[in-house]
């Protein structure tokens, strides 16, 4: 019984991939790679490039930059809140 369940899950997933256009896109990529007169040294980079993914990006560097920017954003929000308080206090002193 579990064999039929596994087969039906596979078929359901295949239909999902087909409906989403994934199978067609992968087929085009692989046919393009097959038809390349000079095969690229890195087939994965070829597939990424064909699908529109940047190939020379350092993900770890981007994550680090994201964390730094997130921390800076938090710091700046705190600074803005403090400056608003100071401004309100200064305005109340004038009144």
PDB file of N, CA and C in Angstrom:
ATOM      1  N   UNK A   1       0.823  -1.189   0.000  1.00  0.00           N
ATOM      2  CA  UNK A   1       0.000   0.000   0.000  1.00  0.00           C
ATOM      3  C   UNK A   1       0.867   1.252   0.000  1.00  0.00           C
ATOM      4  N   UNK A   2       1.967   1.226   0.774  1.00  0.00           N
ATOM      5  CA  UNK A   2       2.827   2.398   0.823  1.00  0.00           C
ATOM      6  C   UNK A   2       3.521   2.624  -0.528  1.00  0.00           C
ATOM      7  N   UNK A   3       3.706   1.554  -1.299  1.00  0.00           N
ATOM      8  CA  UNK A   3       4.313   1.690  -2.618  1.00  0.00           C
ATOM      9  C   UNK A   3       3.418   2.527  -3.524  1.00  0.00           C
ATOM     10  N   UNK A   4       2.112   2.252  -3.494  1.00  0.00           N
ATOM     11  CA  UNK A   4       1.172   3.032  -4.300  1.00  0.00           C
ATOM     12  C   UNK A   4       1.142   4.483  -3.827  1.00  0.00           C
ATOM     13  N   UNK A   5       1.212   4.690  -2.536  1.00  0.00           N
ATOM     14  CA  UNK A   5       1.217   6.037  -1.987  1.00  0.00           C
ATOM     15  C   UNK A   5       2.450   6.792  -2.473  1.00  0.00           C
ATOM     16  N   UNK A   6       3.592   6.135  -2.458  1.00  0.00           N
ATOM     17  CA  UNK A   6       4.823   6.758  -2.930  1.00  0.00           C
ATOM     18  C   UNK A   6       4.710   7.090  -4.411  1.00  0.00           C
ATOM     19  N   UNK A   7       4.182   6.156  -5.195  1.00  0.00           N
ATOM     20  CA  UNK A   7       4.013   6.407  -6.626  1.00  0.00           C
ATOM     21  C   UNK A   7       3.041   7.551  -6.870  1.00  0.00           C
ATOM     22  N   UNK A   8       1.971   7.608  -6.117  1.00  0.00           N
ATOM     23  CA  UNK A   8       1.003   8.685  -6.321  1.00  0.00           C
ATOM     24  C   UNK A   8       1.594  10.035  -5.907  1.00  0.00           C
ATOM     25  N   UNK A   9       2.423  10.029  -4.867  1.00  0.00           N
ATOM     26  CA  UNK A   9       3.086  11.274  -4.458  1.00  0.00           C
ATOM     27  C   UNK A   9       4.055  11.733  -5.535  1.00  0.00           C
ATOM     28  N   UNK A  10       4.782  10.776  -6.105  1.00  0.00           N
ATOM     29  CA  UNK A  10       5.718  11.115  -7.185  1.00  0.00           C
ATOM     30  C   UNK A  10       4.964  11.685  -8.382  1.00  0.00           C
ATOM     31  N   UNK A  11       3.868  11.058  -8.728  1.00  0.00           N
ATOM     32  CA  UNK A  11       3.074  11.514  -9.869  1.00  0.00           C
ATOM     33  C   UNK A  11       2.483  12.899  -9.592  1.00  0.00           C
ATOM     34  N   UNK A  12       2.019  13.109  -8.389  1.00  0.00           N
ATOM     35  CA  UNK A  12       1.472  14.418  -8.006  1.00  0.00           C
ATOM     36  C   UNK A  12       2.551  15.488  -8.104  1.00  0.00           C
ATOM     37  N   UNK A  13       3.759  15.157  -7.640  1.00  0.00           N
ATOM     38  CA  UNK A  13       4.863  16.106  -7.705  1.00  0.00           C
ATOM     39  C   UNK A  13       5.263  16.371  -9.159  1.00  0.00           C
ATOM     40  N   UNK A  14       5.297  15.329  -9.980  1.00  0.00           N
ATOM     41  CA  UNK A  14       5.626  15.495 -11.388  1.00  0.00           C
ATOM     42  C   UNK A  14       4.624  16.427 -12.060  1.00  0.00           C
ATOM     43  N   UNK A  15       3.343  16.240 -11.766  1.00  0.00           N
ATOM     44  CA  UNK A  15       2.301  17.101 -12.335  1.00  0.00           C
ATOM     45  C   UNK A  15       2.489  18.551 -11.879  1.00  0.00           C
ATOM     46  N   UNK A  16       2.841  18.714 -10.621  1.00  0.00           N
ATOM     47  CA  UNK A  16       3.112  20.052 -10.090  1.00  0.00           C
ATOM     48  C   UNK A  16       4.262  20.718 -10.853  1.00  0.00           C
ATOM     49  N   UNK A  17       5.361  19.983 -11.031  1.00  0.00           N
ATOM     50  CA  UNK A  17       6.513  20.522 -11.759  1.00  0.00           C
ATOM     51  C   UNK A  17       6.153  20.855 -13.201  1.00  0.00           C
ATOM     52  N   UNK A  18       5.372  19.998 -13.807  1.00  0.00           N
ATOM     53  CA  UNK A  18       4.950  20.227 -15.190  1.00  0.00           C
ATOM     54  C   UNK A  18       4.066  21.468 -15.279  1.00  0.00           C
ATOM     55  N   UNK A  19       3.113  21.582 -14.384  1.00  0.00           N
ATOM     56  CA  UNK A  19       2.185  22.713 -14.391  1.00  0.00           C
ATOM     57  C   UNK A  19       2.922  24.032 -14.142  1.00  0.00           C
ATOM     58  N   UNK A  20       3.932  23.986 -13.291  1.00  0.00           N
ATOM     59  CA  UNK A  20       4.704  25.187 -12.955  1.00  0.00           C
ATOM     60  C   UNK A  20       5.710  25.560 -14.042  1.00  0.00           C
ATOM     61  N   UNK A  21       5.895  24.701 -15.026  1.00  0.00           N
ATOM     62  CA  UNK A  21       6.823  24.991 -16.112  1.00  0.00           C
ATOM     63  C   UNK A  21       8.265  24.610 -15.816  1.00  0.00           C
ATOM     64  N   UNK A  22       8.475  23.951 -14.693  1.00  0.00           N
ATOM     65  CA  UNK A  22       9.832  23.578 -14.299  1.00  0.00           C
ATOM     66  C   UNK A  22      10.418  22.544 -15.255  1.00  0.00           C
ATOM     67  N   UNK A  23       9.632  21.563 -15.623  1.00  0.00           N
ATOM     68  CA  UNK A  23      10.133  20.501 -16.506  1.00  0.00           C
ATOM     69  C   UNK A  23      10.543  21.077 -17.856  1.00  0.00           C
ATOM     70  N   UNK A  24       9.707  21.960 -18.413  1.00  0.00           N
ATOM     71  CA  UNK A  24      10.045  22.580 -19.701  1.00  0.00           C
ATOM     72  C   UNK A  24      11.327  23.395 -19.598  1.00  0.00           C
ATOM     73  N   UNK A  25      11.445  24.176 -18.523  1.00  0.00           N
ATOM     74  CA  UNK A  25      12.624  25.023 -18.369  1.00  0.00           C
ATOM     75  C   UNK A  25      13.888  24.187 -18.209  1.00  0.00           C
ATOM     76  N   UNK A  26      13.818  23.149 -17.395  1.00  0.00           N
ATOM     77  CA  UNK A  26      14.980  22.279 -17.214  1.00  0.00           C
ATOM     78  C   UNK A  26      15.341  21.560 -18.517  1.00  0.00           C
ATOM     79  N   UNK A  27      14.340  21.162 -19.259  1.00  0.00           N
ATOM     80  CA  UNK A  27      14.590  20.509 -20.543  1.00  0.00           C
ATOM     81  C   UNK A  27      15.321  21.466 -21.479  1.00  0.00           C
ATOM     82  N   UNK A  28      14.865  22.723 -21.529  1.00  0.00           N
ATOM     83  CA  UNK A  28      15.535  23.717 -22.390  1.00  0.00           C
ATOM     84  C   UNK A  28      16.996  23.911 -21.968  1.00  0.00           C
ATOM     85  N   UNK A  29      17.225  23.984 -20.659  1.00  0.00           N
ATOM     86  CA  UNK A  29      18.591  24.167 -20.166  1.00  0.00           C
ATOM     87  C   UNK A  29      19.468  22.998 -20.578  1.00  0.00           C
ATOM     88  N   UNK A  30      18.970  21.798 -20.361  1.00  0.00           N
ATOM     89  CA  UNK A  30      19.779  20.612 -20.669  1.00  0.00           C
ATOM     90  C   UNK A  30      19.997  20.450 -22.171  1.00  0.00           C
ATOM     91  N   UNK A  31      18.995  20.768 -22.969  1.00  0.00           N
ATOM     92  CA  UNK A  31      19.167  20.715 -24.427  1.00  0.00           C
ATOM     93  C   UNK A  31      20.185  21.762 -24.858  1.00  0.00           C
ATOM     94  N   UNK A  32      20.098  22.954 -24.278  1.00  0.00           N
ATOM     95  CA  UNK A  32      21.076  24.000 -24.593  1.00  0.00           C
ATOM     96  C   UNK A  32      22.484  23.575 -24.249  1.00  0.00           C
ATOM     97  N   UNK A  33      22.652  22.950 -23.098  1.00  0.00           N
ATOM     98  CA  UNK A  33      23.964  22.458 -22.694  1.00  0.00           C
ATOM     99  C   UNK A  33      24.439  21.359 -23.637  1.00  0.00           C
ATOM    100  N   UNK A  34      23.546  20.473 -24.023  1.00  0.00           N
ATOM    101  CA  UNK A  34      23.884  19.396 -24.943  1.00  0.00           C
ATOM    102  C   UNK A  34      24.338  19.959 -26.294  1.00  0.00           C
ATOM    103  N   UNK A  35      23.696  21.024 -26.732  1.00  0.00           N
ATOM    104  CA  UNK A  35      23.990  21.584 -28.049  1.00  0.00           C
ATOM    105  C   UNK A  35      25.177  22.546 -28.047  1.00  0.00           C
ATOM    106  N   UNK A  36      25.717  22.857 -26.887  1.00  0.00           N
ATOM    107  CA  UNK A  36      26.897  23.731 -26.824  1.00  0.00           C
ATOM    108  C   UNK A  36      28.049  23.066 -27.563  1.00  0.00           C
ATOM    109  N   UNK A  37      28.656  23.773 -28.531  1.00  0.00           N
ATOM    110  CA  UNK A  37      29.785  23.174 -29.251  1.00  0.00           C
ATOM    111  C   UNK A  37      30.979  22.930 -28.327  1.00  0.00           C
ATOM    112  N   UNK A  38      31.220  23.878 -27.427  1.00  0.00           N
ATOM    113  CA  UNK A  38      32.300  23.706 -26.453  1.00  0.00           C
ATOM    114  C   UNK A  38      31.662  23.649 -25.079  1.00  0.00           C
ATOM    115  N   UNK A  39      31.714  22.480 -24.488  1.00  0.00           N
ATOM    116  CA  UNK A  39      31.086  22.295 -23.185  1.00  0.00           C
ATOM    117  C   UNK A  39      31.793  23.151 -22.134  1.00  0.00           C
ATOM    118  N   UNK A  40      31.012  23.832 -21.293  1.00  0.00           N
ATOM    119  CA  UNK A  40      31.628  24.647 -20.241  1.00  0.00           C
ATOM    120  C   UNK A  40      32.302  23.767 -19.188  1.00  0.00           C
ATOM    121  N   UNK A  41      33.312  24.330 -18.542  1.00  0.00           N
ATOM    122  CA  UNK A  41      34.013  23.585 -17.490  1.00  0.00           C
ATOM    123  C   UNK A  41      33.098  23.300 -16.307  1.00  0.00           C
ATOM    124  N   UNK A  42      32.205  24.235 -16.013  1.00  0.00           N
ATOM    125  CA  UNK A  42      31.322  24.079 -14.872  1.00  0.00           C
ATOM    126  C   UNK A  42      29.868  24.070 -15.348  1.00  0.00           C
ATOM    127  N   UNK A  43      29.289  22.896 -15.437  1.00  0.00           N
ATOM    128  CA  UNK A  43      27.914  22.760 -15.935  1.00  0.00           C
ATOM    129  C   UNK A  43      26.910  23.419 -14.992  1.00  0.00           C
ATOM    130  N   UNK A  44      27.182  23.392 -13.694  1.00  0.00           N
ATOM    131  CA  UNK A  44      26.273  24.016 -12.721  1.00  0.00           C
ATOM    132  C   UNK A  44      26.193  25.525 -12.970  1.00  0.00           C
ATOM    133  N   UNK A  45      27.349  26.155 -13.187  1.00  0.00           N
ATOM    134  CA  UNK A  45      27.351  27.593 -13.485  1.00  0.00           C
ATOM    135  C   UNK A  45      26.592  27.883 -14.774  1.00  0.00           C
ATOM    136  N   UNK A  46      26.714  27.008 -15.748  1.00  0.00           N
ATOM    137  CA  UNK A  46      25.978  27.177 -17.005  1.00  0.00           C
ATOM    138  C   UNK A  46      24.475  27.154 -16.734  1.00  0.00           C
ATOM    139  N   UNK A  47      24.028  26.191 -15.945  1.00  0.00           N
ATOM    140  CA  UNK A  47      22.599  26.069 -15.624  1.00  0.00           C
ATOM    141  C   UNK A  47      22.128  27.292 -14.856  1.00  0.00           C
ATOM    142  N   UNK A  48      22.921  27.725 -13.869  1.00  0.00           N
ATOM    143  CA  UNK A  48      22.554  28.915 -13.092  1.00  0.00           C
ATOM    144  C   UNK A  48      22.435  30.133 -13.988  1.00  0.00           C
ATOM    145  N   UNK A  49      23.413  30.299 -14.872  1.00  0.00           N
ATOM    146  CA  UNK A  49      23.408  31.453 -15.775  1.00  0.00           C
ATOM    147  C   UNK A  49      22.186  31.393 -16.694  1.00  0.00           C
ATOM    148  N   UNK A  50      21.911  30.225 -17.219  1.00  0.00           N
ATOM    149  CA  UNK A  50      20.775  30.054 -18.137  1.00  0.00           C
ATOM    150  C   UNK A  50      19.458  30.370 -17.442  1.00  0.00           C
ATOM    151  N   UNK A  51      19.363  30.004 -16.162  1.00  0.00           N
ATOM    152  CA  UNK A  51      18.140  30.244 -15.404  1.00  0.00           C
ATOM    153  C   UNK A  51      18.084  31.653 -14.817  1.00  0.00           C
ATOM    154  N   UNK A  52      19.156  32.418 -15.017  1.00  0.00           N
ATOM    155  CA  UNK A  52      19.145  33.810 -14.578  1.00  0.00           C
ATOM    156  C   UNK A  52      19.717  34.039 -13.197  1.00  0.00           C
ATOM    157  N   UNK A  53      20.350  33.049 -12.631  1.00  0.00           N
ATOM    158  CA  UNK A  53      20.939  33.202 -11.310  1.00  0.00           C
ATOM    159  C   UNK A  53      22.371  33.714 -11.447  1.00  0.00           C
ATOM    160  N   UNK A  54      22.730  34.714 -10.642  1.00  0.00           N
ATOM    161  CA  UNK A  54      24.120  35.181 -10.684  1.00  0.00           C
ATOM    162  C   UNK A  54      25.059  34.061 -10.228  1.00  0.00           C
ATOM    163  N   UNK A  55      26.187  33.938 -10.882  1.00  0.00           N
ATOM    164  CA  UNK A  55      27.090  32.827 -10.569  1.00  0.00           C
ATOM    165  C   UNK A  55      28.257  33.225  -9.681  1.00  0.00           C
ATOM    166  N   UNK A  56      28.625  34.486  -9.656  1.00  0.00           N
ATOM    167  CA  UNK A  56      29.811  34.869  -8.897  1.00  0.00           C
ATOM    168  C   UNK A  56      29.453  35.724  -7.677  1.00  0.00           C
ATOM    169  N   UNK A  57      28.501  35.250  -6.892  1.00  0.00           N
ATOM    170  CA  UNK A  57      28.081  35.973  -5.704  1.00  0.00           C
ATOM    171  C   UNK A  57      28.499  35.182  -4.475  1.00  0.00           C
ATOM    172  N   UNK A  58      29.109  35.889  -3.521  1.00  0.00           N
ATOM    173  CA  UNK A  58      29.522  35.277  -2.265  1.00  0.00           C
ATOM    174  C   UNK A  58      28.365  35.412  -1.274  1.00  0.00           C
ATOM    175  N   UNK A  59      27.641  34.338  -1.078  1.00  0.00           N
ATOM    176  CA  UNK A  59      26.452  34.353  -0.227  1.00  0.00           C
ATOM    177  C   UNK A  59      26.820  34.685   1.216  1.00  0.00           C
ATOM    178  N   UNK A  60      27.913  34.127   1.716  1.00  0.00           N
ATOM    179  CA  UNK A  60      28.324  34.401   3.090  1.00  0.00           C
ATOM    180  C   UNK A  60      28.630  35.882   3.287  1.00  0.00           C
ATOM    181  N   UNK A  61      29.269  36.478   2.298  1.00  0.00           N
ATOM    182  CA  UNK A  61      29.569  37.911   2.365  1.00  0.00           C
ATOM    183  C   UNK A  61      28.270  38.726   2.391  1.00  0.00           C
ATOM    184  N   UNK A  62      27.309  38.340   1.576  1.00  0.00           N
ATOM    185  CA  UNK A  62      26.024  39.035   1.562  1.00  0.00           C
ATOM    186  C   UNK A  62      25.292  38.891   2.892  1.00  0.00           C
ATOM    187  N   UNK A  63      25.355  37.708   3.487  1.00  0.00           N
ATOM    188  CA  UNK A  63      24.717  37.496   4.786  1.00  0.00           C
ATOM    189  C   UNK A  63      25.355  38.386   5.857  1.00  0.00           C
ATOM    190  N   UNK A  64      26.669  38.466   5.829  1.00  0.00           N
ATOM    191  CA  UNK A  64      27.385  39.303   6.789  1.00  0.00           C
ATOM    192  C   UNK A  64      27.007  40.771   6.597  1.00  0.00           C
ATOM    193  N   UNK A  65      26.974  41.216   5.353  1.00  0.00           N
ATOM    194  CA  UNK A  65      26.588  42.589   5.054  1.00  0.00           C
ATOM    195  C   UNK A  65      25.150  42.859   5.502  1.00  0.00           C
ATOM    196  N   UNK A  66      24.267  41.895   5.283  1.00  0.00           N
ATOM    197  CA  UNK A  66      22.875  42.027   5.705  1.00  0.00           C
ATOM    198  C   UNK A  66      22.790  42.204   7.224  1.00  0.00           C
ATOM    199  N   UNK A  67      23.524  41.385   7.968  1.00  0.00           N
ATOM    200  CA  UNK A  67      23.497  41.480   9.428  1.00  0.00           C
ATOM    201  C   UNK A  67      24.014  42.839   9.896  1.00  0.00           C
ATOM    202  N   UNK A  68      25.093  43.328   9.275  1.00  0.00           N
ATOM    203  CA  UNK A  68      25.637  44.642   9.638  1.00  0.00           C
ATOM    204  C   UNK A  68      24.615  45.738   9.359  1.00  0.00           C
ATOM    205  N   UNK A  69      23.974  45.675   8.207  1.00  0.00           N
ATOM    206  CA  UNK A  69      22.982  46.686   7.854  1.00  0.00           C
ATOM    207  C   UNK A  69      21.756  46.610   8.758  1.00  0.00           C
ATOM    208  N   UNK A  70      21.388  45.408   9.136  1.00  0.00           N
ATOM    209  CA  UNK A  70      20.256  45.241  10.049  1.00  0.00           C
ATOM    210  C   UNK A  70      20.579  45.863  11.405  1.00  0.00           C
ATOM    211  N   UNK A  71      21.786  45.621  11.912  1.00  0.00           N
ATOM    212  CA  UNK A  71      22.219  46.215  13.182  1.00  0.00           C
ATOM    213  C   UNK A  71      22.269  47.734  13.091  1.00  0.00           C
ATOM    214  N   UNK A  72      22.788  48.238  11.973  1.00  0.00           N
ATOM    215  CA  UNK A  72      22.857  49.689  11.790  1.00  0.00           C
ATOM    216  C   UNK A  72      21.453  50.290  11.732  1.00  0.00           C
ATOM    217  N   UNK A  73      20.537  49.596  11.093  1.00  0.00           N
ATOM    218  CA  UNK A  73      19.159  50.056  11.016  1.00  0.00           C
ATOM    219  C   UNK A  73      18.539  50.164  12.416  1.00  0.00           C
ATOM    220  N   UNK A  74      18.775  49.168  13.242  1.00  0.00           N
ATOM    221  CA  UNK A  74      18.268  49.189  14.618  1.00  0.00           C
ATOM    222  C   UNK A  74      18.867  50.365  15.381  1.00  0.00           C
ATOM    223  N   UNK A  75      20.175  50.558  15.239  1.00  0.00           N
ATOM    224  CA  UNK A  75      20.858  51.664  15.918  1.00  0.00           C
ATOM    225  C   UNK A  75      20.287  53.006  15.477  1.00  0.00           C
ATOM    226  N   UNK A  76      20.081  53.170  14.166  1.00  0.00           N
ATOM    227  CA  UNK A  76      19.558  54.437  13.652  1.00  0.00           C
ATOM    228  C   UNK A  76      18.123  54.679  14.111  1.00  0.00           C
ATOM    229  N   UNK A  77      17.330  53.641  14.192  1.00  0.00           N
ATOM    230  CA  UNK A  77      15.958  53.796  14.693  1.00  0.00           C
ATOM    231  C   UNK A  77      15.959  54.255  16.144  1.00  0.00           C
ATOM    232  N   UNK A  78      16.871  53.691  16.945  1.00  0.00           N
ATOM    233  CA  UNK A  78      16.986  54.127  18.349  1.00  0.00           C
ATOM    234  C   UNK A  78      17.415  55.591  18.415  1.00  0.00           C
ATOM    235  N   UNK A  79      18.364  55.944  17.572  1.00  0.00           N
ATOM    236  CA  UNK A  79      18.848  57.327  17.555  1.00  0.00           C
ATOM    237  C   UNK A  79      17.731  58.292  17.165  1.00  0.00           C
ATOM    238  N   UNK A  80      16.933  57.908  16.201  1.00  0.00           N
ATOM    239  CA  UNK A  80      15.797  58.742  15.783  1.00  0.00           C
ATOM    240  C   UNK A  80      14.823  58.912  16.935  1.00  0.00           C
ATOM    241  N   UNK A  81      14.530  57.820  17.637  1.00  0.00           N
ATOM    242  CA  UNK A  81      13.606  57.895  18.773  1.00  0.00           C
ATOM    243  C   UNK A  81      14.149  58.832  19.851  1.00  0.00           C
ATOM    244  N   UNK A  82      15.450  58.739  20.137  1.00  0.00           N
ATOM    245  CA  UNK A  82      16.066  59.622  21.131  1.00  0.00           C
ATOM    246  C   UNK A  82      16.007  61.080  20.686  1.00  0.00           C
ATOM    247  N   UNK A  83      16.288  61.333  19.435  1.00  0.00           N
ATOM    248  CA  UNK A  83      16.249  62.703  18.928  1.00  0.00           C
ATOM    249  C   UNK A  83      14.830  63.270  18.962  1.00  0.00           C
ATOM    250  N   UNK A  84      13.847  62.431  18.690  1.00  0.00           N
ATOM    251  CA  UNK A  84      12.455  62.883  18.775  1.00  0.00           C
ATOM    252  C   UNK A  84      12.100  63.270  20.205  1.00  0.00           C
ATOM    253  N   UNK A  85      12.566  62.469  21.159  1.00  0.00           N
ATOM    254  CA  UNK A  85      12.326  62.795  22.571  1.00  0.00           C
ATOM    255  C   UNK A  85      12.983  64.121  22.937  1.00  0.00           C
ATOM    256  N   UNK A  86      14.223  64.308  22.486  1.00  0.00           N
ATOM    257  CA  UNK A  86      14.932  65.559  22.763  1.00  0.00           C
ATOM    258  C   UNK A  86      14.199  66.743  22.139  1.00  0.00           C
ATOM    259  N   UNK A  87      13.711  66.567  20.934  1.00  0.00           N
ATOM    260  CA  UNK A  87      12.982  67.625  20.246  1.00  0.00           C
ATOM    261  C   UNK A  87      11.701  67.960  20.997  1.00  0.00           C
ATOM    262  N   UNK A  88      10.973  66.951  21.421  1.00  0.00           N
ATOM    263  CA  UNK A  88       9.748  67.187  22.180  1.00  0.00           C
ATOM    264  C   UNK A  88      10.043  67.914  23.494  1.00  0.00           C
ATOM    265  N   UNK A  89      11.120  67.504  24.166  1.00  0.00           N
ATOM    266  CA  UNK A  89      11.498  68.155  25.425  1.00  0.00           C
ATOM    267  C   UNK A  89      11.859  69.611  25.184  1.00  0.00           C
ATOM    268  N   UNK A  90      12.596  69.865  24.119  1.00  0.00           N
ATOM    269  CA  UNK A  90      12.995  71.242  23.788  1.00  0.00           C
ATOM    270  C   UNK A  90      11.775  72.084  23.452  1.00  0.00           C
ATOM    271  N   UNK A  91      10.833  71.510  22.736  1.00  0.00           N
ATOM    272  CA  UNK A  91       9.601  72.246  22.387  1.00  0.00           C
ATOM    273  C   UNK A  91       8.761  72.537  23.615  1.00  0.00           C
ATOM    274  N   UNK A  92       8.714  71.590  24.560  1.00  0.00           N
ATOM    275  CA  UNK A  92       7.955  71.805  25.788  1.00  0.00           C
ATOM    276  C   UNK A  92       8.607  72.888  26.657  1.00  0.00           C
ATOM    277  N   UNK A  93       9.944  72.967  26.646  1.00  0.00           N
ATOM    278  CA  UNK A  93      10.646  74.005  27.413  1.00  0.00           C
ATOM    279  C   UNK A  93      10.335  75.394  26.858  1.00  0.00           C
ATOM    280  N   UNK A  94      10.172  75.475  25.545  1.00  0.00           N
ATOM    281  CA  UNK A  94       9.882  76.763  24.910  1.00  0.00           C
ATOM    282  C   UNK A  94       8.473  77.244  25.248  1.00  0.00           C
ATOM    283  N   UNK A  95       7.559  76.315  25.469  1.00  0.00           N
ATOM    284  CA  UNK A  95       6.163  76.691  25.749  1.00  0.00           C
ATOM    285  C   UNK A  95       6.031  77.040  27.174  1.00  0.00           C
TER     286      UNK A  95
END
